[in-house]
N, C-alpha and C. Protein backbone atom coordinates (compact mmCIF):
# COMPACT_ATOMS: atom_id res chain seq x y z
N CYS A 1 8.48 -0.01 21.43
CA CYS A 1 6.45 0.17 21.64
C CYS A 1 6.03 -1.16 20.51
N ALA A 2 5.48 -2.53 21.20
CA ALA A 2 5.20 -3.48 20.63
C ALA A 2 3.68 -3.17 20.03
N VAL A 3 3.72 -3.53 18.44
CA VAL A 3 2.24 -3.76 17.81
C VAL A 3 1.89 -4.77 17.05
N ALA A 4 1.04 -5.15 17.67
CA ALA A 4 0.59 -6.73 16.90
C ALA A 4 0.10 -6.39 15.37
N VAL A 5 0.60 -7.21 14.92
CA VAL A 5 0.74 -7.52 13.11
C VAL A 5 -0.86 -7.34 13.16
N ALA A 6 -1.93 -7.85 13.58
CA ALA A 6 -3.40 -8.44 13.46
C ALA A 6 -4.19 -6.67 13.25
N SER A 7 -3.14 -5.78 13.97
CA SER A 7 -3.87 -4.50 14.41
C SER A 7 -3.52 -3.59 13.20
N ILE A 8 -3.06 -4.03 12.38
CA ILE A 8 -2.73 -3.47 10.80
C ILE A 8 -3.34 -2.95 10.18
N ASP A 9 -3.91 -1.87 9.82
CA ASP A 9 -4.75 -2.07 8.43
C ASP A 9 -4.42 -1.93 7.12
N ILE A 10 -3.69 -3.00 6.79
CA ILE A 10 -3.03 -2.79 5.00
C ILE A 10 -4.07 -3.36 4.02
N ARG A 11 -4.17 -2.02 2.99
CA ARG A 11 -4.70 -2.35 2.02
C ARG A 11 -4.07 -1.77 0.82
N VAL A 12 -4.75 -2.62 -0.18
CA VAL A 12 -4.00 -2.08 -1.78
C VAL A 12 -3.86 -0.97 -2.22
N GLY A 13 -3.33 -0.31 -2.34
CA GLY A 13 -3.77 0.89 -3.02
C GLY A 13 -3.02 1.35 -4.71
N ARG A 14 -3.76 2.08 -5.19
CA ARG A 14 -3.34 2.31 -6.73
C ARG A 14 -2.80 3.95 -6.43
N ILE A 15 -1.64 4.10 -6.72
CA ILE A 15 -0.89 5.72 -7.03
C ILE A 15 -2.10 5.71 -7.87
N VAL A 16 -2.65 7.30 -7.94
CA VAL A 16 -3.32 7.71 -9.16
C VAL A 16 -2.34 9.10 -9.55
N LYS A 17 -1.82 9.88 -8.43
CA LYS A 17 -0.52 10.81 -8.72
C LYS A 17 0.41 11.35 -7.86
N VAL A 18 1.37 11.32 -8.32
CA VAL A 18 2.83 11.86 -7.87
C VAL A 18 3.05 12.92 -7.83
N TRP A 19 3.56 13.71 -6.92
CA TRP A 19 4.21 14.92 -7.10
C TRP A 19 5.39 15.03 -6.07
N GLU A 20 6.85 16.09 -6.61
CA GLU A 20 7.14 16.31 -5.83
C GLU A 20 7.04 17.14 -4.57
N HIS A 21 7.42 16.70 -3.37
CA HIS A 21 6.95 18.16 -2.32
C HIS A 21 8.00 19.07 -2.50
N GLU A 22 7.20 20.52 -2.11
CA GLU A 22 7.85 21.49 -2.87
C GLU A 22 9.13 21.75 -2.00
N SER A 23 9.31 21.54 -0.46
CA SER A 23 10.12 22.34 -0.07
C SER A 23 10.92 21.06 0.78
N ALA A 24 10.62 19.85 0.59
CA ALA A 24 11.57 18.62 1.32
C ALA A 24 11.79 18.32 -0.13
N GLU A 25 13.05 17.83 0.33
CA GLU A 25 13.83 17.58 -1.26
C GLU A 25 13.56 16.18 -1.44
N LYS A 26 13.65 14.99 0.21
CA LYS A 26 13.49 13.92 0.14
C LYS A 26 11.98 13.07 -0.16
N LEU A 27 10.88 14.04 -0.24
CA LEU A 27 9.63 13.36 0.06
C LEU A 27 9.34 13.90 -1.41
N PHE A 28 8.27 12.71 -1.82
CA PHE A 28 6.92 12.39 -2.54
C PHE A 28 5.83 12.58 -2.30
N CYS A 29 4.92 13.46 -2.61
CA CYS A 29 3.45 13.73 -2.70
C CYS A 29 2.69 12.63 -3.50
N GLU A 30 1.56 11.88 -2.82
CA GLU A 30 1.19 10.66 -3.52
C GLU A 30 -0.65 10.87 -2.99
N SER A 31 -1.10 10.81 -4.02
CA SER A 31 -3.04 10.68 -4.28
C SER A 31 -2.70 9.15 -4.47
N ILE A 32 -3.34 8.46 -3.62
CA ILE A 32 -3.64 6.75 -3.85
C ILE A 32 -5.02 6.81 -3.39
N ASP A 33 -5.46 5.66 -4.28
CA ASP A 33 -6.76 4.93 -4.13
C ASP A 33 -7.07 3.93 -3.29
N VAL A 34 -7.07 3.56 -2.37
CA VAL A 34 -7.52 2.73 -1.85
C VAL A 34 -8.92 1.96 -1.34
N GLY A 35 -9.79 2.69 -2.33
CA GLY A 35 -10.92 2.02 -2.49
C GLY A 35 -12.10 2.89 -1.47
N GLU A 36 -11.74 3.80 -1.16
CA GLU A 36 -12.97 4.92 -0.23
C GLU A 36 -12.90 5.67 -1.13
N ALA A 37 -14.11 6.79 -0.52
CA ALA A 37 -14.56 7.75 -1.69
C ALA A 37 -13.50 8.61 -2.22
N ALA A 38 -12.90 9.02 -1.36
CA ALA A 38 -11.72 10.03 -2.16
C ALA A 38 -10.38 9.62 -1.75
N PRO A 39 -9.57 9.46 -2.55
CA PRO A 39 -7.69 9.16 -2.98
C PRO A 39 -7.73 9.32 -1.66
N ARG A 40 -6.34 8.86 -1.06
CA ARG A 40 -5.90 9.39 0.58
C ARG A 40 -4.29 10.23 -0.14
N SER A 41 -3.88 11.38 0.83
CA SER A 41 -2.95 11.85 0.53
C SER A 41 -1.74 11.03 1.11
N ILE A 42 -0.54 10.71 0.57
CA ILE A 42 0.28 10.08 1.41
C ILE A 42 1.75 10.89 1.30
N ALA A 43 2.95 11.09 2.07
CA ALA A 43 3.96 11.66 1.92
C ALA A 43 4.76 10.05 2.21
N SER A 44 5.69 10.27 1.02
CA SER A 44 6.97 9.00 1.18
C SER A 44 8.21 9.49 1.06
N GLY A 45 9.34 8.89 1.62
CA GLY A 45 10.58 9.65 1.58
C GLY A 45 11.37 8.99 0.63
N LEU A 46 10.41 8.71 -0.18
CA LEU A 46 10.87 8.05 -1.65
C LEU A 46 12.11 8.62 -2.86
N ARG A 47 12.07 9.76 -2.85
CA ARG A 47 12.32 10.57 -3.85
C ARG A 47 13.90 10.17 -3.87
N ALA A 48 14.77 10.00 -3.18
CA ALA A 48 16.23 9.02 -3.45
C ALA A 48 16.27 7.72 -4.36
N PHE A 49 15.31 7.44 -3.97
CA PHE A 49 15.55 6.15 -4.44
C PHE A 49 14.25 6.03 -5.78
N TYR A 50 13.35 6.28 -6.22
CA TYR A 50 12.50 6.61 -7.51
C TYR A 50 12.61 7.90 -8.11
N ALA A 51 12.26 7.89 -9.62
CA ALA A 51 11.92 8.42 -10.31
C ALA A 51 10.40 8.98 -10.29
N LYS A 52 9.79 9.89 -10.35
CA LYS A 52 8.62 10.55 -10.28
C LYS A 52 7.99 8.92 -11.01
N GLU A 53 8.20 9.25 -12.58
CA GLU A 53 7.58 8.50 -13.29
C GLU A 53 7.38 7.33 -12.71
N ASP A 54 8.68 6.59 -12.23
CA ASP A 54 8.10 4.91 -11.93
C ASP A 54 7.17 4.78 -11.00
N LEU A 55 6.64 6.04 -10.24
CA LEU A 55 5.19 5.51 -8.56
C LEU A 55 4.38 5.75 -9.64
N GLU A 56 4.01 6.08 -11.19
CA GLU A 56 2.72 6.28 -11.22
C GLU A 56 2.24 4.83 -11.63
N GLU A 57 0.63 4.62 -11.21
CA GLU A 57 -0.06 3.69 -11.49
C GLU A 57 0.32 2.40 -10.63
N PRO A 58 1.54 2.05 -10.09
CA PRO A 58 1.50 0.52 -9.11
C PRO A 58 0.13 0.45 -8.40
N LEU A 59 0.08 -1.06 -8.10
CA LEU A 59 -0.49 -1.15 -7.44
C LEU A 59 0.45 -1.74 -6.28
N GLY A 60 0.04 -1.21 -4.49
CA GLY A 60 1.22 -1.45 -3.56
C GLY A 60 0.31 -1.12 -2.15
N PRO A 61 0.92 -2.17 -1.11
CA PRO A 61 0.40 -1.90 0.27
C PRO A 61 0.39 -0.53 0.78
N VAL A 62 -0.64 -0.14 1.47
CA VAL A 62 -0.55 1.13 1.98
C VAL A 62 -1.16 0.77 3.77
N VAL A 63 -0.70 1.27 4.70
CA VAL A 63 -0.90 1.21 6.32
C VAL A 63 -1.94 2.70 6.06
N ALA A 64 -3.22 2.06 6.42
CA ALA A 64 -4.31 2.69 6.34
C ALA A 64 -5.08 3.62 7.67
N ASN A 65 -4.87 2.53 9.02
CA ASN A 65 -5.01 2.63 10.22
C ASN A 65 -3.65 4.04 11.14
N LEU A 66 -3.27 4.74 10.52
CA LEU A 66 -2.48 5.61 11.08
C LEU A 66 -3.41 7.14 10.84
N LYS A 67 -2.82 7.74 12.27
CA LYS A 67 -3.10 9.07 12.52
C LYS A 67 -2.50 9.98 11.37
N PRO A 68 -3.10 10.87 10.76
CA PRO A 68 -2.89 11.32 9.98
C PRO A 68 -1.50 12.90 10.67
N ARG A 69 -0.38 12.67 9.78
CA ARG A 69 0.49 13.14 10.65
C ARG A 69 0.87 14.28 9.32
N THR A 70 1.23 15.61 9.48
CA THR A 70 1.99 16.71 8.83
C THR A 70 3.24 16.53 8.40
N MET A 71 3.60 16.54 7.56
CA MET A 71 5.39 16.62 7.23
C MET A 71 6.03 17.31 6.11
N GLN A 72 6.39 18.59 7.00
CA GLN A 72 6.72 19.78 6.32
C GLN A 72 5.68 20.28 5.38
N GLY A 73 4.49 20.25 6.07
CA GLY A 73 3.53 21.20 5.84
C GLY A 73 2.44 20.65 5.00
N PHE A 74 2.40 18.84 4.91
CA PHE A 74 1.71 17.99 3.87
C PHE A 74 1.21 17.12 4.84
N LYS A 75 -0.37 16.81 4.97
CA LYS A 75 -0.90 16.04 5.77
C LYS A 75 -0.80 14.89 4.79
N SER A 76 0.07 13.92 5.77
CA SER A 76 0.04 12.47 4.91
C SER A 76 -0.89 11.64 5.64
N GLU A 77 -2.30 10.90 5.22
CA GLU A 77 -2.87 9.97 5.85
C GLU A 77 -2.70 8.47 5.79
N GLY A 78 -1.30 8.47 5.84
CA GLY A 78 -1.25 6.30 5.72
C GLY A 78 -0.21 7.02 5.37
N MET A 79 0.80 5.23 5.22
CA MET A 79 2.23 5.12 4.78
C MET A 79 1.92 4.17 3.66
N VAL A 80 3.13 4.07 2.61
CA VAL A 80 3.17 3.29 1.77
C VAL A 80 4.12 1.90 2.36
N LEU A 81 4.37 1.06 1.81
CA LEU A 81 5.27 -0.03 2.84
C LEU A 81 6.41 -0.45 1.58
N CYS A 82 7.30 -0.32 2.04
CA CYS A 82 8.43 -0.48 1.03
C CYS A 82 9.60 -1.45 2.02
N ALA A 83 10.39 -2.51 1.14
CA ALA A 83 11.58 -2.64 2.29
C ALA A 83 12.78 -2.33 1.71
N SER A 84 13.90 -3.03 2.77
CA SER A 84 15.14 -1.71 2.53
C SER A 84 16.06 -2.79 2.53
N ASN A 85 17.45 -2.38 2.49
CA ASN A 85 18.38 -3.39 3.01
C ASN A 85 18.86 -2.99 4.10
N ALA A 86 19.83 -3.67 4.85
CA ALA A 86 20.18 -3.64 6.12
C ALA A 86 20.63 -1.81 5.93
N ASP A 87 21.48 -1.48 5.31
CA ASP A 87 22.12 0.22 5.94
C ASP A 87 21.12 0.89 4.91
N HIS A 88 19.76 0.59 4.62
CA HIS A 88 19.11 1.32 4.08
C HIS A 88 19.89 2.62 2.75
N THR A 89 20.60 1.72 1.72
CA THR A 89 21.29 2.02 1.17
C THR A 89 19.82 2.02 -0.41
N GLU A 90 19.30 0.95 -0.45
CA GLU A 90 18.79 0.44 -1.47
C GLU A 90 16.87 0.35 -0.75
N VAL A 91 16.23 0.91 -1.52
CA VAL A 91 14.67 0.65 -0.59
C VAL A 91 13.92 0.45 -1.59
N LYS A 92 12.66 -0.47 -1.85
CA LYS A 92 12.01 -0.65 -2.97
C LYS A 92 10.51 -0.78 -2.46
N PHE A 93 9.95 -0.31 -3.24
CA PHE A 93 8.35 -0.26 -3.12
C PHE A 93 7.99 -1.70 -3.62
N VAL A 94 7.19 -2.10 -2.85
CA VAL A 94 6.15 -3.61 -2.52
C VAL A 94 5.09 -3.36 -3.36
N GLU A 95 5.35 -3.95 -4.98
CA GLU A 95 4.54 -3.78 -5.46
C GLU A 95 3.55 -4.97 -6.04
N VAL A 96 2.23 -4.76 -5.92
CA VAL A 96 1.01 -5.73 -5.60
C VAL A 96 1.18 -6.05 -7.18
N ARG A 97 1.29 -6.90 -7.93
CA ARG A 97 0.55 -7.45 -9.21
C ARG A 97 -0.92 -8.01 -9.56
N ARG A 98 -1.32 -7.02 -10.30
CA ARG A 98 -2.74 -7.04 -10.82
C ARG A 98 -3.71 -8.39 -10.90
N GLY A 99 -4.61 -8.56 -10.55
CA GLY A 99 -5.27 -9.94 -11.08
C GLY A 99 -4.45 -11.26 -9.71
N ARG A 100 -3.69 -11.20 -9.28
CA ARG A 100 -3.20 -12.00 -8.40
C ARG A 100 -4.44 -12.54 -7.01
N ALA A 101 -4.23 -11.17 -6.34
CA ALA A 101 -5.45 -11.51 -5.01
C ALA A 101 -6.59 -11.83 -5.19
N GLY A 102 -7.58 -11.80 -6.08
CA GLY A 102 -8.41 -11.80 -6.94
C GLY A 102 -8.42 -13.62 -7.30
N ARG A 103 -7.31 -13.61 -7.75
CA ARG A 103 -7.37 -15.30 -8.84
C ARG A 103 -7.62 -16.00 -6.65
N ALA A 104 -6.29 -16.02 -5.98
CA ALA A 104 -5.90 -16.83 -4.77
C ALA A 104 -7.82 -16.54 -4.20
N GLU A 105 -8.17 -15.26 -4.14
CA GLU A 105 -9.73 -15.43 -3.26
C GLU A 105 -10.70 -16.42 -3.74
N ARG A 106 -10.64 -16.37 -5.24
CA ARG A 106 -11.83 -17.09 -5.90
C ARG A 106 -11.56 -18.48 -5.67
N GLU A 107 -10.31 -18.71 -5.81
CA GLU A 107 -9.55 -20.53 -5.26
C GLU A 107 -9.89 -20.93 -3.74
N ARG A 108 -9.69 -19.72 -3.11
CA ARG A 108 -9.92 -20.08 -1.55
C ARG A 108 -11.58 -20.41 -1.60
N ARG A 109 -12.13 -19.33 -2.02
CA ARG A 109 -13.94 -19.64 -2.11
C ARG A 109 -14.52 -20.76 -2.58
N GLU A 110 -13.49 -21.34 -3.73
CA GLU A 110 -14.20 -22.45 -4.57
C GLU A 110 -13.63 -23.52 -3.31
N ARG A 111 -12.91 -23.77 -2.68
CA ARG A 111 -12.45 -24.82 -1.95
C ARG A 111 -12.82 -24.92 -1.02
N VAL A 112 -13.70 -23.38 0.08
CA VAL A 112 -14.56 -23.54 0.77
C VAL A 112 -15.72 -24.48 0.41
N SER A 113 -16.26 -23.62 -0.48
CA SER A 113 -17.48 -24.43 -1.52
C SER A 113 -17.57 -25.91 -1.42
N THR A 114 -16.77 -26.22 -2.15
CA THR A 114 -16.52 -27.90 -2.28
C THR A 114 -16.42 -28.37 -1.08
N ARG A 115 -15.70 -28.23 0.17
CA ARG A 115 -15.93 -28.63 1.47
C ARG A 115 -17.25 -28.79 1.66
N ARG A 116 -17.75 -27.77 1.72
CA ARG A 116 -19.37 -27.57 2.37
C ARG A 116 -20.23 -28.42 1.53
N ALA A 117 -20.28 -28.32 0.52
CA ALA A 117 -20.91 -28.88 -0.69
C ALA A 117 -20.19 -30.88 -0.26
N ARG A 118 -19.20 -31.17 0.16
CA ARG A 118 -18.98 -32.65 0.41
C ARG A 118 -19.78 -32.72 1.77
N ALA A 119 -19.25 -31.98 2.52
CA ALA A 119 -19.95 -31.86 4.26
C ALA A 119 -21.35 -32.31 4.01
N CYS A 120 -21.85 -31.79 3.15
CA CYS A 120 -23.58 -31.69 3.09
C CYS A 120 -23.91 -33.30 2.62
N LEU A 121 -22.96 -34.21 1.88
CA LEU A 121 -23.28 -35.16 1.19
C LEU A 121 -23.54 -36.40 2.38
N PHE A 122 -22.93 -35.83 3.28
CA PHE A 122 -22.45 -37.42 4.39
C PHE A 122 -23.22 -37.38 5.41
């Protein structure tokens, strides 16, 4: 099943709480703030690759337009994006550095503003 990349709603979220799933040894349960009224509950299979403490507070991309899915009794409302090697023995959380996206957006706006100002002069 092919999915158009443009149809994927990816948002930067901040993990505000992480806990081990009570009955699934591969799952972490996370509460992730993606800028909505309430944080999203998301389950991820990262327990084999990370300690709980390593996932508290980072910013990372979240796929936000997935249908909620119950995983081992836990309702997951999205998916965190990770990268892995070919044999899936190493998985890395894709961490977003604070401030980078904001600075890039400001610079883009300044370039557009400057172009508009020049266009008005001619």
